[in-house]
Amino acid sequence: MITSLKLPSSSTEDARITAEWADFMTEAQQQRFVDEVSCHLRSLGCDFECRQGAVLLRTKARRKPQQLGLLNLAQHCARMEASSWPALISAHFERLFASRSEDEALRRDSADFEKVRHSLKVRIFPSENLELPLRDRLVWRQAAPGMSAVLVFDLPSAARTVIREEARQWQRTDEALFEIGLANVRAQDPVRRQQLTLSDEAGVSVTALAGDTFFTSSHALFLDEYLPPGSDGAVVAIPNRQVVLFYPLIDLKVVGAINAMIPLAQRMFRNGPGSICPDLYWFKHGQLTLLPSRLEGRTLSFEPPEEFVEALGRLFAHWERFALQ
């Protein structure tokens, strides 16, 4: 039924580099990006070392070198003309260094919950970003297989995770803190609701919730607020921090939507910025269930759990009754 589909071949496939962290860039683009980052850091007088997908920064203020990931910045640059890269890189590090002074001010106020509650938000990260021992220091919960919802402070220049010791001072449960964080996302991070046509032939379009903040993806945690009445949940993709794709289970066009969403989600995950997960999920009653798929050559196989197959069966039975009337 939905078992497989062929992916179109890419005209740029041969030009892609093999480095996993930057496979969205050609080798020439990757080298230029590293050169531009190095040039900017040298202009600031920084002591640094460029590594695979990261830069190791040494400063007098920190006893240990700080490793800064370059993936999101590289993804952002890859979407723009190379002539604009120096300005993008400069703005990125300017925000990064500004966030340090903001963090110092935050530390002074963190014990007073009423002073910081407006900045609390919930951000979705790939679960692989929360490896031990970091996981024990943060306030987080599993959002879905492969994704974690983390409580953060939304500062003017950056988002900073809430440390468990800070949260203990507030004498509130994790559940209460997550409710506050999601309420702040609703109020402060609106999204643009758009329809994306994925298949002209089948007339399939999916809804995209798009935004420019770190917290657009967090809207997937309360997706029921965007679904039409009577739907049996929705098929959802959260490929990066700036978009949520979904198609509600209301008709059999969901089959075509699934086939189109799988390669689209993988492409958006690859391009970023803020890559989260290339997979599809079933959102129902506030829960996200993984809908496994795998890539074999140019064929994608889709292997949903039995409960999802039953939901599709209910849609088919409803369509069949309607067709016979």
Protein backbone atom coordinates (compact mmCIF):
# COMPACT_ATOMS: atom_id res chain seq x y z
CA MET A 1 0.00 0.00 0.00
CA ILE A 2 2.58 2.58 1.13
CA THR A 3 5.47 0.20 1.11
CA SER A 4 7.91 2.03 -1.16
CA LEU A 5 8.54 4.84 -3.60
CA LYS A 6 11.38 5.85 -5.90
CA LEU A 7 13.40 8.94 -5.15
CA PRO A 8 14.37 11.13 -8.10
CA SER A 9 18.07 11.24 -8.86
CA SER A 10 19.85 14.48 -7.98
CA SER A 11 21.90 16.43 -10.49
CA THR A 12 24.19 17.58 -7.65
CA GLU A 13 24.72 14.14 -6.19
CA ASP A 14 28.25 13.74 -7.57
CA ALA A 15 29.34 17.13 -6.23
CA ARG A 16 28.46 16.38 -2.61
CA ILE A 17 31.27 15.78 -0.16
CA THR A 18 31.38 12.74 2.05
CA ALA A 19 31.84 14.54 5.38
CA GLU A 20 28.70 13.73 7.35
CA TRP A 21 28.46 17.03 9.19
CA ALA A 22 28.33 19.11 5.97
CA ASP A 23 26.99 16.84 3.22
CA PHE A 24 24.75 19.73 2.09
CA MET A 25 27.85 21.59 0.84
CA THR A 26 30.28 20.88 -1.97
CA GLU A 27 33.91 20.43 -1.03
CA ALA A 28 34.69 23.92 -2.32
CA GLN A 29 31.84 25.43 -0.30
CA GLN A 30 32.95 23.65 2.85
CA GLN A 31 36.51 24.91 2.47
CA ARG A 32 35.32 28.45 1.83
CA PHE A 33 33.07 28.29 4.91
CA VAL A 34 35.93 27.14 7.16
CA ASP A 35 38.18 29.84 5.70
CA GLU A 36 35.56 32.54 6.37
CA VAL A 37 35.05 31.37 9.97
CA SER A 38 38.81 31.30 10.54
CA CYS A 39 39.24 34.75 9.02
CA HIS A 40 36.56 36.23 11.27
CA LEU A 41 37.95 34.66 14.47
CA ARG A 42 41.45 35.83 13.59
CA SER A 43 40.12 39.36 13.13
CA LEU A 44 38.79 39.20 16.70
CA GLY A 45 42.13 38.04 18.02
CA CYS A 46 40.72 34.69 19.15
CA ASP A 47 42.82 31.65 19.98
CA PHE A 48 41.00 28.87 18.16
CA GLU A 49 41.28 25.60 16.31
CA CYS A 50 38.89 24.48 13.57
CA ARG A 51 37.81 20.85 13.79
CA GLN A 52 35.37 18.63 11.90
CA GLY A 53 32.09 20.54 12.25
CA ALA A 54 33.23 22.61 15.22
CA VAL A 55 35.66 25.25 16.44
CA LEU A 56 37.64 24.93 19.68
CA LEU A 57 37.80 28.37 21.29
CA ARG A 58 40.26 29.27 24.05
CA THR A 59 39.64 32.39 26.16
CA LYS A 60 41.08 33.86 29.35
CA ALA A 61 37.62 33.83 30.92
CA ARG A 62 37.33 30.04 30.71
CA ARG A 63 39.77 27.55 32.16
CA LYS A 64 38.81 24.89 29.63
CA PRO A 65 38.53 25.39 25.83
CA GLN A 66 34.96 25.80 24.58
CA GLN A 67 33.84 23.68 21.63
CA LEU A 68 31.28 25.43 19.45
CA GLY A 69 29.36 23.48 16.82
CA LEU A 70 29.28 24.91 13.30
CA LEU A 71 26.50 22.79 11.78
CA ASN A 72 23.64 25.28 12.14
CA LEU A 73 25.76 28.18 10.92
CA ALA A 74 26.95 26.15 7.93
CA GLN A 75 23.38 25.13 7.07
CA HIS A 76 22.31 28.77 7.19
CA CYS A 77 25.21 29.86 4.98
CA ALA A 78 24.53 27.07 2.48
CA ARG A 79 21.10 28.56 1.82
CA MET A 80 22.53 32.00 1.02
CA GLU A 81 24.86 33.52 -1.56
CA ALA A 82 28.52 33.06 -0.63
CA SER A 83 29.01 36.83 -0.76
CA SER A 84 26.78 37.15 2.31
CA TRP A 85 28.68 34.56 4.39
CA PRO A 86 31.07 37.00 6.12
CA ALA A 87 28.13 39.06 7.43
CA LEU A 88 26.25 35.94 8.55
CA ILE A 89 29.31 34.55 10.33
CA SER A 90 30.01 37.89 11.99
CA ALA A 91 26.41 38.18 13.23
CA HIS A 92 26.49 34.59 14.52
CA PHE A 93 29.57 35.10 16.68
CA GLU A 94 28.39 38.54 17.78
CA ARG A 95 25.22 36.93 19.15
CA LEU A 96 27.26 34.16 20.71
CA PHE A 97 29.57 36.51 22.59
CA ALA A 98 26.66 38.79 23.58
CA SER A 99 24.86 35.80 25.10
CA ARG A 100 27.69 35.41 27.61
CA SER A 101 26.95 38.76 29.25
CA GLU A 102 23.22 37.96 29.16
CA ASP A 103 23.93 34.67 30.88
CA GLU A 104 25.85 36.44 33.64
CA ALA A 105 22.86 38.72 34.29
CA LEU A 106 20.54 35.72 34.22
CA ARG A 107 22.59 33.92 36.86
CA ARG A 108 22.11 36.87 39.20
CA ASP A 109 18.31 36.69 38.79
CA SER A 110 17.79 32.95 38.44
CA ALA A 111 16.84 32.41 42.09
CA ASP A 112 13.85 34.76 41.70
CA PHE A 113 11.31 32.75 39.71
CA GLU A 114 9.06 35.71 38.89
CA LYS A 115 12.00 37.49 37.24
CA VAL A 116 12.78 34.59 34.90
CA ARG A 117 9.47 32.80 34.30
CA HIS A 118 8.67 34.87 31.19
CA SER A 119 11.88 33.61 29.55
CA LEU A 120 11.23 29.90 30.21
CA LYS A 121 10.43 27.90 27.09
CA VAL A 122 10.47 24.32 25.83
CA ARG A 123 12.79 23.51 22.95
CA ILE A 124 13.03 20.24 20.99
CA PHE A 125 16.48 18.71 20.47
CA PRO A 126 17.67 15.47 18.89
CA SER A 127 18.02 12.99 21.76
CA GLU A 128 21.62 12.32 20.77
CA ASN A 129 22.42 15.87 21.95
CA LEU A 130 21.53 14.87 25.51
CA GLU A 131 24.13 12.27 26.28
CA LEU A 132 25.23 11.45 29.81
CA PRO A 133 26.34 13.18 32.02
CA LEU A 134 24.67 16.25 30.44
CA ARG A 135 21.25 14.61 30.67
CA ASP A 136 21.35 14.50 34.47
CA ARG A 137 22.06 18.23 34.71
CA LEU A 138 19.08 19.41 32.65
CA VAL A 139 15.30 19.61 32.97
CA TRP A 140 13.97 17.50 30.12
CA ARG A 141 11.60 14.75 29.04
CA GLN A 142 11.31 12.53 26.01
CA ALA A 143 9.14 14.16 23.36
CA ALA A 144 9.22 11.10 21.07
CA PRO A 145 11.69 8.40 20.04
CA GLY A 146 14.76 10.31 18.88
CA MET A 147 13.63 13.70 20.26
CA SER A 148 13.84 15.38 23.66
CA ALA A 149 11.94 18.39 25.01
CA VAL A 150 14.25 20.56 27.10
CA LEU A 151 13.47 23.50 29.37
CA VAL A 152 15.51 26.55 28.35
CA PHE A 153 15.87 30.26 28.99
CA ASP A 154 15.09 32.31 25.88
CA LEU A 155 17.62 35.14 26.02
CA PRO A 156 17.78 38.02 23.52
CA SER A 157 20.85 36.58 21.77
CA ALA A 158 20.54 32.84 22.41
CA ALA A 159 18.69 30.05 24.18
CA ARG A 160 20.36 28.55 27.26
CA THR A 161 19.36 25.31 28.95
CA VAL A 162 17.98 25.42 32.50
CA ILE A 163 20.29 23.64 34.91
CA ARG A 164 18.66 21.26 37.39
CA GLU A 165 20.18 23.14 40.36
CA GLU A 166 18.50 26.36 39.15
CA ALA A 167 15.11 24.67 38.82
CA ARG A 168 15.29 23.25 42.36
CA GLN A 169 15.31 26.80 43.76
CA TRP A 170 11.87 27.44 42.29
CA GLN A 171 10.16 24.59 44.16
CA ARG A 172 7.96 23.67 41.22
CA THR A 173 7.45 20.30 39.55
CA ASP A 174 8.89 19.58 36.12
CA GLU A 175 5.34 19.26 34.81
CA ALA A 176 4.46 22.76 36.04
CA LEU A 177 7.63 24.19 34.50
CA PHE A 178 6.91 22.56 31.16
CA GLU A 179 3.38 23.96 31.19
CA ILE A 180 4.79 27.45 31.73
CA GLY A 181 7.41 26.92 29.03
CA LEU A 182 4.85 25.78 26.46
CA ALA A 183 2.50 28.63 27.38
CA ASN A 184 5.34 31.08 26.70
CA VAL A 185 5.97 29.44 23.31
CA ARG A 186 2.28 29.86 22.42
CA ALA A 187 2.28 33.51 23.45
CA GLN A 188 5.69 34.63 22.22
CA ASP A 189 6.53 32.46 19.20
CA PRO A 190 3.66 32.55 16.69
CA VAL A 191 3.96 30.53 13.50
CA ARG A 192 2.89 31.05 9.91
CA ARG A 193 0.42 28.42 8.75
CA GLN A 194 0.99 27.50 5.10
CA GLN A 195 -0.24 24.86 2.67
CA LEU A 196 2.45 23.06 0.68
CA THR A 197 1.38 21.21 -2.46
CA LEU A 198 3.44 18.01 -2.60
CA SER A 199 1.73 16.17 -5.44
CA ASP A 200 -0.16 18.02 -8.16
CA GLU A 201 -1.21 14.74 -9.73
CA ALA A 202 -2.84 13.39 -6.56
CA GLY A 203 -3.89 16.81 -5.27
CA VAL A 204 -2.03 16.28 -1.99
CA SER A 205 -0.97 19.20 0.18
CA VAL A 206 0.30 19.27 3.74
CA THR A 207 0.20 22.00 6.36
CA ALA A 208 3.44 23.65 7.39
CA LEU A 209 3.88 25.61 10.61
CA ALA A 210 6.85 27.85 9.85
CA GLY A 211 8.72 30.36 11.97
CA ASP A 212 12.07 32.01 12.51
CA THR A 213 12.75 31.12 16.16
CA PHE A 214 14.26 28.16 17.99
CA PHE A 215 10.77 27.22 19.18
CA THR A 216 8.73 26.72 16.02
CA SER A 217 9.26 22.96 16.32
CA SER A 218 7.85 23.06 19.86
CA HIS A 219 4.38 23.69 18.41
CA ALA A 220 4.36 19.98 17.54
CA LEU A 221 3.94 19.28 21.27
CA PHE A 222 0.48 20.87 21.23
CA LEU A 223 -0.43 20.03 17.63
CA ASP A 224 -4.00 19.09 18.62
CA GLU A 225 -4.70 22.84 18.70
CA TYR A 226 -4.10 22.93 14.91
CA LEU A 227 -6.07 19.81 13.91
CA PRO A 228 -9.62 19.79 12.51
CA PRO A 229 -12.39 18.23 14.61
CA GLY A 230 -12.90 14.51 14.09
CA SER A 231 -9.39 13.70 12.91
CA ASP A 232 -7.64 10.58 14.20
CA GLY A 233 -4.49 12.57 14.93
CA ALA A 234 -2.02 13.49 12.21
CA VAL A 235 1.11 12.36 10.42
CA VAL A 236 3.87 14.75 11.54
CA ALA A 237 7.44 15.61 10.59
CA ILE A 238 9.74 17.82 12.67
CA PRO A 239 12.82 17.99 10.41
CA ASN A 240 14.33 21.16 11.86
CA ARG A 241 13.68 23.86 14.41
CA GLN A 242 11.89 26.18 11.97
CA VAL A 243 9.12 23.97 10.57
CA VAL A 244 6.50 21.38 11.52
CA LEU A 245 4.79 19.47 8.71
CA PHE A 246 1.54 17.58 9.23
CA TYR A 247 -1.41 15.98 7.51
CA PRO A 248 -4.47 15.09 9.62
CA LEU A 249 -5.97 11.60 9.42
CA ILE A 250 -9.28 12.68 7.91
CA ASP A 251 -9.22 11.08 4.46
CA LEU A 252 -7.28 8.61 2.35
CA LYS A 253 -5.15 11.35 0.83
CA VAL A 254 -2.98 10.79 3.90
CA VAL A 255 -1.42 7.87 1.99
CA GLY A 256 -0.17 10.20 -0.74
CA ALA A 257 0.90 12.71 1.91
CA ILE A 258 3.04 10.08 3.63
CA ASN A 259 4.80 9.13 0.42
CA ALA A 260 5.56 12.78 -0.31
CA MET A 261 6.47 13.79 3.25
CA ILE A 262 9.17 11.14 3.74
CA PRO A 263 11.67 12.52 1.17
CA LEU A 264 10.67 16.11 1.99
CA ALA A 265 11.36 15.63 5.70
CA GLN A 266 14.71 14.02 4.95
CA ARG A 267 15.67 16.92 2.68
CA MET A 268 14.63 19.54 5.25
CA PHE A 269 16.50 17.66 7.97
CA ARG A 270 19.63 17.61 5.85
CA ASN A 271 19.44 21.32 4.97
CA GLY A 272 18.47 22.64 8.43
CA PRO A 273 19.03 24.97 10.11
CA GLY A 274 18.76 23.31 13.49
CA SER A 275 18.24 19.75 12.21
CA ILE A 276 16.11 17.64 14.56
CA CYS A 277 14.78 14.43 12.97
CA PRO A 278 14.15 13.11 9.42
CA ASP A 279 11.42 10.63 10.49
CA LEU A 280 7.63 10.74 10.45
CA TYR A 281 5.47 10.44 13.57
CA TRP A 282 1.83 9.87 14.40
CA PHE A 283 0.51 12.57 16.72
CA LYS A 284 -2.53 11.47 18.72
CA HIS A 285 -3.79 12.53 22.17
CA GLY A 286 -0.63 14.53 22.78
CA GLN A 287 1.71 11.60 22.02
CA LEU A 288 4.15 11.20 19.13
CA THR A 289 4.58 7.62 17.87
CA LEU A 290 7.40 6.83 15.47
CA LEU A 291 6.39 5.73 11.96
CA PRO A 292 9.55 3.88 10.89
CA SER A 293 10.91 4.23 7.38
CA ARG A 294 14.24 3.30 5.82
CA LEU A 295 16.18 4.25 2.72
CA GLU A 296 17.55 1.52 0.47
CA GLY A 297 19.20 3.01 -2.60
CA ARG A 298 16.48 5.27 -4.00
CA THR A 299 13.65 3.26 -2.44
CA LEU A 300 12.01 4.31 0.83
CA SER A 301 10.19 1.63 2.82
CA PHE A 302 7.47 2.63 5.27
CA GLU A 303 6.70 0.29 8.18
CA PRO A 304 4.00 1.72 10.47
CA PRO A 305 2.92 0.07 13.73
CA GLU A 306 -0.27 -1.99 13.78
CA GLU A 307 -2.26 0.74 15.55
CA PHE A 308 -1.57 3.14 12.70
CA VAL A 309 -2.54 0.56 10.09
CA GLU A 310 -5.84 0.12 11.96
CA ALA A 311 -6.38 3.89 11.86
CA LEU A 312 -5.91 3.81 8.09
CA GLY A 313 -8.35 0.92 7.95
CA ARG A 314 -10.96 3.04 9.71
CA LEU A 315 -10.46 5.78 7.14
CA PHE A 316 -10.91 3.26 4.32
CA ALA A 317 -14.07 1.84 5.90
CA HIS A 318 -15.50 5.35 6.26
CA TRP A 319 -14.69 6.16 2.63
CA GLU A 320 -16.24 2.88 1.49
CA ARG A 321 -19.48 3.59 3.37
CA PHE A 322 -19.61 7.10 1.93
CA ALA A 323 -18.97 5.82 -1.62
CA LEU A 324 -21.85 3.34 -1.39
CA GLN A 325 -24.39 5.94 -0.31
